[in-house]
Amino acid sequence: MKNKQRTFQTKVRVRALWLIAIIAIISIAVVSCDDSSDNGTTTTPTVPVDPLTYTVTFDSSGGTAVPQRTGVAGGTTITAPAAPTRPFTLTEPGLYFGEIPENYTFVEWRNGAAAWDFASSTVTADITLTAHWTSNRIESVAANDVAAVFTRLAAANPSGGTYDGKYTLAINQNVTLTAKTAHVNRVNRELTIIGLGQERIITASVDGAFSFGAAVSTGDFSLTLGTNITIKGVDGMTATLIEVGQRSSLIMKEGSKITGFNTTTADRRTVSVIGGGSFTMDGGEISGNTVDRGTSNNAGSAGVWIGRGTFIMNGGTITGNTLTNGTGTSSWGAGGVSLGTGAYSNDPAKFIMNGGTIIGNTRNDSAFDVHIPNPSAATTVVFEYNGGTIGAILNKTGGIVSMP
């Protein structure tokens, strides 16, 4: 009996020792697993991945359509689509550098007001990216501010920049000048003025509309009157309406007009070409202008005066212009075109007519369309007729020279 009891106790002790050993091993393992001491390894926390996908929509703002992107994984970037194109429609008045563009220039895609960086910006929600466009309109010049345009073009080039080049001024309302716009020649500056939608009238002040040219030995300036543009004088003007001088040129296109010049001041003209300037008439109309010289015997013209320079007529019409001598004795002047070289010693003048019509102009109620002064040793007058229609051509003494 005692032997059995000892055997049982021995088994219990052995089992207890085994149990203690197992518990110790488990405790060591647990302690080892919970050891937070620096053992030379770093555990990087796991960043949760956005499990959702999103849609990116492209709004081209009037440009060609750009397909949307669907199923874009959250937190990822997207590649930029091909840039859209957008035709330019001229509806906004203003000064444009160069000619009116055929297309807008694509700048960037924007998410709201911020530019979208396709290299680093990630998609985290459904978004719409909007195209941002630009044109060559000069934002610093207010729309329809004709005087400000000429002030800019008469200015010297800014430091580090240039004002040289071609410009187009589009106006969508009538404009009244408060003073004549004078232009000091600068290098290679050309301005075309056009009217938007319908005839737009630029009304002169009493001292004139435009005057080009100065004592500058370098530089050229050109003004083109384009479609729907009318330069209009006012009653009682005291100066020439448009004066084209040294290193300057005036060009008229179809749809332009010069009218309304009315003066009693001596030696004033509707369009005056002096100082070696040039005037090319490809189209348009010069009409409804009147000059009353009163007691003066100075030269004048209700149409075009070529004092020293060149007038080339390829098209258009000069009609309905009236010159009144009053009590003056000089016959210099014309209702239509006058080559006034004889009034300026040694100043050459040239009139080349390739087309167009000069008819219905009067001096003292008599037909007087083209005036060619009698040549002399002191003057150089060139009248070259190649085509077109002229009514009455007269010389200095008022006699008819020829009828082409």
Protein backbone atom coordinates (compact mmCIF):
# COMPACT_ATOMS: atom_id res chain seq x y z
CA MET A 1 0.00 0.00 0.00
CA LYS A 2 2.79 2.38 0.90
CA ASN A 3 4.63 1.49 -2.35
CA LYS A 4 1.58 2.43 -4.40
CA GLN A 5 1.24 5.70 -2.56
CA ARG A 6 4.90 6.61 -3.22
CA THR A 7 4.51 5.79 -6.92
CA PHE A 8 1.45 8.02 -7.18
CA GLN A 9 3.18 10.90 -5.45
CA THR A 10 6.20 10.51 -7.72
CA LYS A 11 3.98 10.76 -10.83
CA VAL A 12 2.29 13.85 -9.47
CA ARG A 13 5.65 15.52 -8.83
CA VAL A 14 6.88 14.69 -12.33
CA ARG A 15 3.73 16.05 -13.90
CA ALA A 16 3.98 19.20 -11.82
CA LEU A 17 7.56 19.74 -12.91
CA TRP A 18 6.57 19.28 -16.54
CA LEU A 19 3.73 21.79 -16.09
CA ILE A 20 6.07 24.32 -14.49
CA ALA A 21 8.55 23.88 -17.32
CA ILE A 22 5.86 24.40 -19.97
CA ILE A 23 4.59 27.50 -18.20
CA ALA A 24 8.12 28.89 -18.01
CA ILE A 25 8.73 28.29 -21.70
CA ILE A 26 5.45 30.00 -22.60
CA SER A 27 6.29 32.94 -20.35
CA ILE A 28 9.69 33.39 -21.94
CA ALA A 29 8.13 33.26 -25.41
CA VAL A 30 5.52 35.85 -24.45
CA VAL A 31 8.11 38.14 -22.93
CA SER A 32 10.27 37.75 -26.00
CA CYS A 33 7.36 38.67 -28.29
CA ASP A 34 6.45 41.72 -26.20
CA ASP A 35 10.01 42.99 -25.96
CA SER A 36 9.85 46.60 -27.21
CA SER A 37 13.52 47.24 -26.87
CA ASP A 38 15.51 48.42 -29.97
CA ASN A 39 16.87 45.23 -31.44
CA GLY A 40 18.17 46.86 -34.64
CA THR A 41 15.00 46.50 -36.74
CA THR A 42 12.30 49.13 -37.65
CA THR A 43 8.70 48.30 -38.32
CA THR A 44 7.05 50.49 -41.03
CA PRO A 45 3.40 51.19 -40.38
CA THR A 46 1.09 50.07 -43.13
CA VAL A 47 -0.63 52.92 -45.10
CA PRO A 48 -4.19 52.03 -45.94
CA VAL A 49 -4.85 52.02 -49.68
CA ASP A 50 -7.93 53.89 -50.96
CA PRO A 51 -10.01 50.99 -52.21
CA LEU A 52 -12.26 53.32 -54.29
CA THR A 53 -11.98 54.44 -57.92
CA TYR A 54 -12.92 57.83 -59.29
CA THR A 55 -13.86 59.65 -62.51
CA VAL A 56 -11.94 62.57 -64.00
CA THR A 57 -13.98 64.75 -66.40
CA PHE A 58 -12.38 67.23 -68.81
CA ASP A 59 -14.26 70.44 -69.61
CA SER A 60 -12.56 71.95 -72.69
CA SER A 61 -14.43 75.30 -72.37
CA GLY A 62 -15.47 75.47 -75.99
CA GLY A 63 -12.59 73.42 -77.34
CA THR A 64 -12.61 69.96 -78.87
CA ALA A 65 -14.00 67.21 -76.64
CA VAL A 66 -11.65 65.26 -74.36
CA PRO A 67 -12.88 61.84 -73.11
CA GLN A 68 -13.28 61.42 -69.36
CA ARG A 69 -11.21 58.95 -67.36
CA THR A 70 -13.13 56.37 -65.36
CA GLY A 71 -11.95 53.79 -62.85
CA VAL A 72 -9.01 55.91 -61.69
CA ALA A 73 -7.58 54.32 -58.54
CA GLY A 74 -7.65 56.62 -55.53
CA GLY A 75 -4.34 58.22 -54.64
CA THR A 76 -2.81 57.82 -58.11
CA THR A 77 -1.83 60.30 -60.84
CA ILE A 78 -3.11 60.41 -64.40
CA THR A 79 -1.36 61.21 -67.65
CA ALA A 80 -2.18 64.43 -69.47
CA PRO A 81 -4.49 64.11 -72.47
CA ALA A 82 -3.61 65.61 -75.83
CA ALA A 83 -4.22 69.36 -75.75
CA PRO A 84 -7.62 70.33 -77.22
CA THR A 85 -8.04 72.99 -79.91
CA ARG A 86 -10.48 75.89 -79.97
CA PRO A 87 -11.28 78.15 -82.96
CA PHE A 88 -11.03 81.87 -82.22
CA THR A 89 -14.20 83.88 -82.76
CA LEU A 90 -13.67 87.63 -82.64
CA THR A 91 -16.36 88.88 -80.29
CA GLU A 92 -14.25 90.73 -77.75
CA PRO A 93 -13.03 94.26 -78.55
CA GLY A 94 -9.47 95.21 -77.74
CA LEU A 95 -5.92 95.55 -78.99
CA TYR A 96 -4.39 92.34 -80.30
CA PHE A 97 -0.69 91.80 -80.88
CA GLY A 98 -0.30 90.59 -84.43
CA GLU A 99 -3.22 89.62 -86.60
CA ILE A 100 -6.47 88.21 -85.27
CA PRO A 101 -5.65 84.55 -84.48
CA GLU A 102 -7.40 81.58 -86.02
CA ASN A 103 -7.30 79.64 -82.75
CA TYR A 104 -7.01 80.28 -79.05
CA THR A 105 -3.80 79.13 -77.37
CA PHE A 106 -4.24 76.31 -74.84
CA VAL A 107 -2.50 77.10 -71.54
CA GLU A 108 -3.28 74.37 -68.98
CA TRP A 109 -5.88 72.27 -67.18
CA ARG A 110 -7.19 73.63 -63.89
CA ASN A 111 -8.96 72.12 -60.91
CA GLY A 112 -10.94 75.12 -59.79
CA ALA A 113 -8.51 78.04 -59.80
CA ALA A 114 -5.40 75.88 -59.36
CA ALA A 115 -3.35 74.40 -62.18
CA TRP A 116 -3.37 70.60 -62.26
CA ASP A 117 0.09 69.03 -62.11
CA PHE A 118 -0.17 65.71 -63.91
CA ALA A 119 3.21 64.63 -62.54
CA SER A 120 2.34 64.98 -58.85
CA SER A 121 -1.35 65.73 -58.31
CA THR A 122 -3.29 62.63 -57.22
CA VAL A 123 -6.94 61.83 -57.69
CA THR A 124 -8.80 61.45 -54.39
CA ALA A 125 -12.35 62.20 -55.53
CA ASP A 126 -14.45 62.68 -58.64
CA ILE A 127 -13.14 65.90 -60.26
CA THR A 128 -13.60 68.09 -63.33
CA LEU A 129 -10.53 69.64 -64.92
CA THR A 130 -11.24 72.79 -66.96
CA ALA A 131 -9.20 74.01 -69.93
CA HIS A 132 -7.67 77.49 -69.63
CA TRP A 133 -7.16 79.44 -72.87
CA THR A 134 -5.51 82.68 -73.91
CA SER A 135 -5.34 84.86 -77.02
CA ASN A 136 -2.96 87.59 -78.14
CA ARG A 137 -5.18 90.37 -76.78
CA ILE A 138 -3.24 92.96 -74.77
CA GLU A 139 -5.04 93.11 -71.44
CA SER A 140 -3.43 96.37 -70.32
CA VAL A 141 -5.19 98.41 -73.04
CA ALA A 142 -8.87 99.03 -72.38
CA ALA A 143 -11.33 98.04 -75.09
CA ASN A 144 -12.27 100.80 -77.56
CA ASP A 145 -9.63 103.20 -76.18
CA VAL A 146 -8.23 104.38 -79.51
CA ALA A 147 -6.17 107.19 -77.96
CA ALA A 148 -4.47 104.77 -75.54
CA VAL A 149 -3.51 102.53 -78.45
CA PHE A 150 -1.72 105.36 -80.24
CA THR A 151 -0.06 106.43 -77.00
CA ARG A 152 1.34 102.91 -76.63
CA LEU A 153 2.56 102.73 -80.22
CA ALA A 154 4.21 106.13 -79.95
CA ALA A 155 6.12 105.13 -76.82
CA ALA A 156 9.71 103.96 -76.75
CA ASN A 157 10.32 100.27 -76.22
CA PRO A 158 10.17 99.36 -72.52
CA SER A 159 13.25 98.12 -70.73
CA GLY A 160 13.75 94.46 -71.57
CA GLY A 161 10.80 94.40 -73.98
CA THR A 162 9.46 95.71 -77.26
CA TYR A 163 6.36 97.33 -78.67
CA ASP A 164 7.49 96.68 -82.24
CA GLY A 165 5.37 94.55 -84.52
CA LYS A 166 1.89 94.26 -85.97
CA TYR A 167 -1.27 95.11 -84.04
CA THR A 168 -5.00 94.79 -84.68
CA LEU A 169 -7.48 97.05 -82.90
CA ALA A 170 -11.06 95.76 -82.88
CA ILE A 171 -13.73 98.18 -81.67
CA ASN A 172 -17.41 97.45 -81.07
CA GLN A 173 -18.72 100.95 -80.42
CA ASN A 174 -18.37 104.45 -81.79
CA VAL A 175 -15.44 106.45 -80.43
CA THR A 176 -14.98 110.23 -80.17
CA LEU A 177 -11.43 111.56 -79.94
CA THR A 178 -10.80 114.44 -77.56
CA ALA A 179 -7.62 115.46 -79.36
CA LYS A 180 -5.63 114.60 -82.47
CA THR A 181 -3.50 111.50 -81.96
CA ALA A 182 0.10 112.23 -82.87
CA HIS A 183 2.48 109.40 -83.60
CA VAL A 184 6.25 109.62 -83.36
CA ASN A 185 7.64 106.95 -85.66
CA ARG A 186 9.07 103.82 -84.10
CA VAL A 187 10.59 100.81 -85.77
CA ASN A 188 8.21 98.41 -87.53
CA ARG A 189 4.89 99.24 -85.92
CA GLU A 190 1.78 98.49 -87.93
CA LEU A 191 -1.81 99.01 -86.80
CA THR A 192 -5.01 97.75 -88.43
CA ILE A 193 -8.35 99.02 -87.11
CA ILE A 194 -11.52 97.01 -87.73
CA GLY A 195 -15.11 97.35 -86.58
CA LEU A 196 -16.99 94.46 -85.01
CA GLY A 197 -20.39 93.53 -86.39
CA GLN A 198 -21.24 96.80 -88.12
CA GLU A 199 -19.91 100.25 -89.04
CA ARG A 200 -17.95 101.79 -86.16
CA ILE A 201 -17.24 105.51 -86.36
CA ILE A 202 -14.14 107.22 -84.98
CA THR A 203 -15.06 110.91 -84.78
CA ALA A 204 -12.21 113.41 -84.84
CA SER A 205 -11.75 116.44 -82.65
CA VAL A 206 -11.60 119.91 -84.25
CA ASP A 207 -7.79 119.68 -84.45
CA GLY A 208 -7.82 116.48 -86.47
CA ALA A 209 -7.90 112.71 -86.10
CA PHE A 210 -4.48 111.23 -86.87
CA SER A 211 -1.04 112.64 -87.63
CA PHE A 212 1.89 110.34 -88.43
CA GLY A 213 5.54 111.16 -88.76
CA ALA A 214 8.20 113.18 -86.99
CA ALA A 215 11.85 114.11 -87.31
CA VAL A 216 12.98 110.54 -86.83
CA SER A 217 15.52 109.06 -89.23
CA THR A 218 14.72 105.43 -88.48
CA GLY A 219 11.48 103.58 -88.02
CA ASP A 220 8.26 103.09 -89.94
CA PHE A 221 4.61 103.30 -88.98
CA SER A 222 1.59 102.05 -90.91
CA LEU A 223 -2.14 102.54 -90.26
CA THR A 224 -4.68 100.37 -92.08
CA LEU A 225 -8.38 101.23 -92.01
CA GLY A 226 -10.16 97.89 -92.27
CA THR A 227 -13.71 96.64 -92.57
CA ASN A 228 -16.49 98.63 -90.86
CA ILE A 229 -14.25 101.56 -89.87
CA THR A 230 -15.22 105.16 -90.62
CA ILE A 231 -13.04 108.17 -89.79
CA LYS A 232 -15.39 111.12 -89.46
CA GLY A 233 -14.56 114.80 -89.24
CA VAL A 234 -16.68 117.49 -87.62
CA ASP A 235 -17.85 120.94 -88.63
CA GLY A 236 -15.38 123.76 -88.18
CA MET A 237 -12.22 121.71 -88.08
CA THR A 238 -9.02 123.71 -87.73
CA ALA A 239 -6.54 121.07 -88.90
CA THR A 240 -6.13 118.36 -91.52
CA LEU A 241 -8.18 115.26 -90.75
CA ILE A 242 -5.46 112.66 -91.49
CA GLU A 243 -1.85 113.68 -92.10
CA VAL A 244 0.62 111.07 -93.35
CA GLY A 245 4.21 112.21 -93.00
CA GLN A 246 7.78 111.00 -92.89
CA ARG A 247 8.31 107.22 -92.89
CA SER A 248 4.57 106.62 -92.48
CA SER A 249 1.82 105.08 -94.56
CA LEU A 250 -1.96 104.97 -94.66
CA ILE A 251 -3.87 102.07 -96.22
CA MET A 252 -7.61 101.84 -96.86
CA LYS A 253 -9.34 98.49 -97.32
CA GLU A 254 -12.79 97.60 -98.60
CA GLY A 255 -15.44 98.58 -96.06
CA SER A 256 -13.60 101.63 -94.71
CA LYS A 257 -14.61 105.27 -95.12
CA ILE A 258 -13.31 108.82 -94.58
CA THR A 259 -16.01 111.48 -94.41
CA GLY A 260 -17.43 114.53 -92.62
CA PHE A 261 -14.39 116.83 -92.84
CA ASN A 262 -15.60 120.44 -92.91
CA THR A 263 -13.24 123.40 -92.59
CA THR A 264 -12.93 127.09 -93.45
CA THR A 265 -9.33 127.22 -92.21
CA ALA A 266 -6.76 127.90 -94.91
CA ASP A 267 -4.46 125.18 -96.18
CA ARG A 268 -6.33 122.24 -94.68
CA ARG A 269 -7.04 118.88 -96.33
CA THR A 270 -9.06 115.74 -95.71
CA VAL A 271 -6.05 113.45 -96.28
CA SER A 272 -2.61 115.00 -96.67
CA VAL A 273 0.46 113.05 -97.80
CA ILE A 274 3.63 115.00 -97.03
CA GLY A 275 7.23 114.46 -95.99
CA GLY A 276 7.68 111.40 -98.17
CA GLY A 277 4.74 109.47 -96.73
CA SER A 278 2.49 107.15 -98.72
CA PHE A 279 -1.23 106.43 -99.05
CA THR A 280 -2.51 103.25 -100.69
CA MET A 281 -6.21 102.88 -101.41
CA ASP A 282 -7.13 99.24 -102.01
CA GLY A 283 -10.82 99.90 -101.40
CA GLY A 284 -13.14 101.99 -99.31
CA GLU A 285 -14.61 105.42 -99.88
CA ILE A 286 -13.60 109.06 -99.39
CA SER A 287 -16.74 111.20 -99.68
CA GLY A 288 -18.80 114.00 -98.17
CA ASN A 289 -15.88 116.28 -97.25
CA THR A 290 -15.90 120.07 -97.76
CA VAL A 291 -13.18 122.72 -97.75
CA ASP A 292 -13.99 126.44 -97.99
CA ARG A 293 -10.79 128.46 -98.35
CA GLY A 294 -12.56 131.79 -98.01
CA THR A 295 -10.21 134.67 -98.89
CA SER A 296 -7.11 132.48 -98.73
CA ASN A 297 -5.15 131.50 -101.80
CA ASN A 298 -3.40 128.65 -99.98
CA ALA A 299 -3.65 125.10 -101.21
CA GLY A 300 -6.39 122.79 -100.05
CA SER A 301 -8.13 119.58 -100.98
CA ALA A 302 -11.44 118.07 -99.96
CA GLY A 303 -10.13 114.66 -101.02
CA VAL A 304 -6.47 113.60 -101.15
CA TRP A 305 -3.57 116.07 -101.24
CA ILE A 306 -0.17 114.76 -102.35
CA GLY A 307 2.24 117.43 -101.27
CA ARG A 308 5.38 115.32 -101.18
CA GLY A 309 4.84 111.60 -101.22
CA THR A 310 3.01 108.83 -103.07
CA PHE A 311 -0.65 107.96 -103.57
CA ILE A 312 -1.47 104.59 -105.13
CA MET A 313 -5.09 103.87 -105.96
CA ASN A 314 -5.90 100.22 -106.63
CA GLY A 315 -9.60 100.37 -105.83
CA GLY A 316 -12.29 102.22 -103.91
CA THR A 317 -14.12 105.46 -104.63
CA ILE A 318 -13.42 109.17 -104.17
CA THR A 319 -16.66 111.07 -104.76
CA GLY A 320 -18.89 113.86 -103.51
CA ASN A 321 -16.10 116.06 -102.12
CA THR A 322 -16.35 119.84 -102.52
CA LEU A 323 -13.75 122.64 -102.58
CA THR A 324 -14.74 126.32 -102.57
CA ASN A 325 -12.21 128.96 -103.56
CA GLY A 326 -14.17 131.88 -102.16
CA THR A 327 -12.43 135.13 -103.08
CA GLY A 328 -8.98 133.57 -103.23
CA THR A 329 -7.07 133.86 -106.49
CA SER A 330 -5.06 130.64 -106.46
CA SER A 331 -6.33 127.62 -108.32
CA TRP A 332 -4.35 125.13 -106.26
CA GLY A 333 -6.64 122.50 -104.81
CA ALA A 334 -9.18 119.92 -105.87
CA GLY A 335 -12.35 118.22 -104.83
CA GLY A 336 -10.86 114.78 -105.53
CA VAL A 337 -7.09 114.28 -105.77
CA SER A 338 -4.54 117.09 -105.89
CA LEU A 339 -0.87 116.70 -106.67
CA GLY A 340 0.22 119.77 -104.79
CA THR A 341 3.85 119.62 -105.75
CA GLY A 342 3.77 123.02 -107.37
CA ALA A 343 3.11 124.59 -103.99
CA TYR A 344 6.30 123.07 -102.56
CA SER A 345 9.49 123.73 -104.45
CA ASN A 346 11.62 120.67 -105.19
CA ASP A 347 9.18 118.31 -103.41
CA PRO A 348 8.33 115.30 -105.61
CA ALA A 349 4.82 113.90 -105.73
CA LYS A 350 3.58 110.72 -107.35
CA PHE A 351 0.07 109.46 -108.16
CA ILE A 352 -0.29 105.96 -109.60
CA MET A 353 -3.82 104.88 -110.48
CA ASN A 354 -4.36 101.19 -111.15
CA GLY A 355 -8.09 101.01 -110.45
CA GLY A 356 -10.96 102.55 -108.54
CA THR A 357 -13.16 105.53 -109.30
CA ILE A 358 -12.65 109.29 -108.89
CA ILE A 359 -15.77 111.07 -110.04
CA GLY A 360 -18.41 113.53 -108.85
CA ASN A 361 -16.05 115.90 -107.02
CA THR A 362 -16.33 119.67 -107.49
CA ARG A 363 -14.50 122.96 -107.13
CA ASN A 364 -16.72 126.04 -107.17
CA ASP A 365 -19.54 123.82 -108.44
CA SER A 366 -17.51 122.63 -111.43
CA ALA A 367 -16.27 119.10 -111.98
CA PHE A 368 -12.79 118.78 -110.53
CA ASP A 369 -11.71 115.21 -109.83
CA VAL A 370 -7.93 115.17 -110.31
CA HIS A 371 -5.65 118.16 -110.30
CA ILE A 372 -2.25 117.89 -111.99
CA PRO A 373 -0.13 121.02 -111.61
CA ASN A 374 1.86 122.27 -114.56
CA PRO A 375 5.37 120.80 -114.32
CA SER A 376 8.33 123.11 -113.93
CA ALA A 377 12.07 122.86 -113.51
CA ALA A 378 11.65 123.14 -109.76
CA THR A 379 9.09 120.37 -109.36
CA THR A 380 8.78 116.66 -109.99
CA VAL A 381 5.25 115.44 -110.65
CA VAL A 382 4.43 111.87 -111.65
CA PHE A 383 0.93 110.92 -112.77
CA GLU A 384 0.72 107.33 -113.97
CA TYR A 385 -2.62 106.05 -115.17
CA ASN A 386 -2.99 102.26 -115.59
CA GLY A 387 -6.71 101.76 -115.04
CA GLY A 388 -9.82 102.90 -113.22
CA THR A 389 -12.27 105.72 -113.84
CA ILE A 390 -11.61 109.47 -113.59
CA GLY A 391 -14.11 112.21 -114.38
CA ALA A 392 -12.40 115.55 -114.93
CA ILE A 393 -8.62 116.04 -114.88
CA LEU A 394 -7.48 119.63 -114.74
CA ASN A 395 -4.18 121.46 -114.71
CA LYS A 396 -3.09 124.52 -112.77
CA THR A 397 -4.94 126.97 -114.96
CA GLY A 398 -8.14 124.95 -114.81
CA GLY A 399 -8.00 123.46 -118.29
CA ILE A 400 -8.93 119.85 -118.92
CA VAL A 401 -5.78 117.80 -119.49
CA SER A 402 -7.24 114.46 -120.51
CA MET A 403 -10.10 112.06 -119.91
CA PRO A 404 -8.83 108.49 -119.46
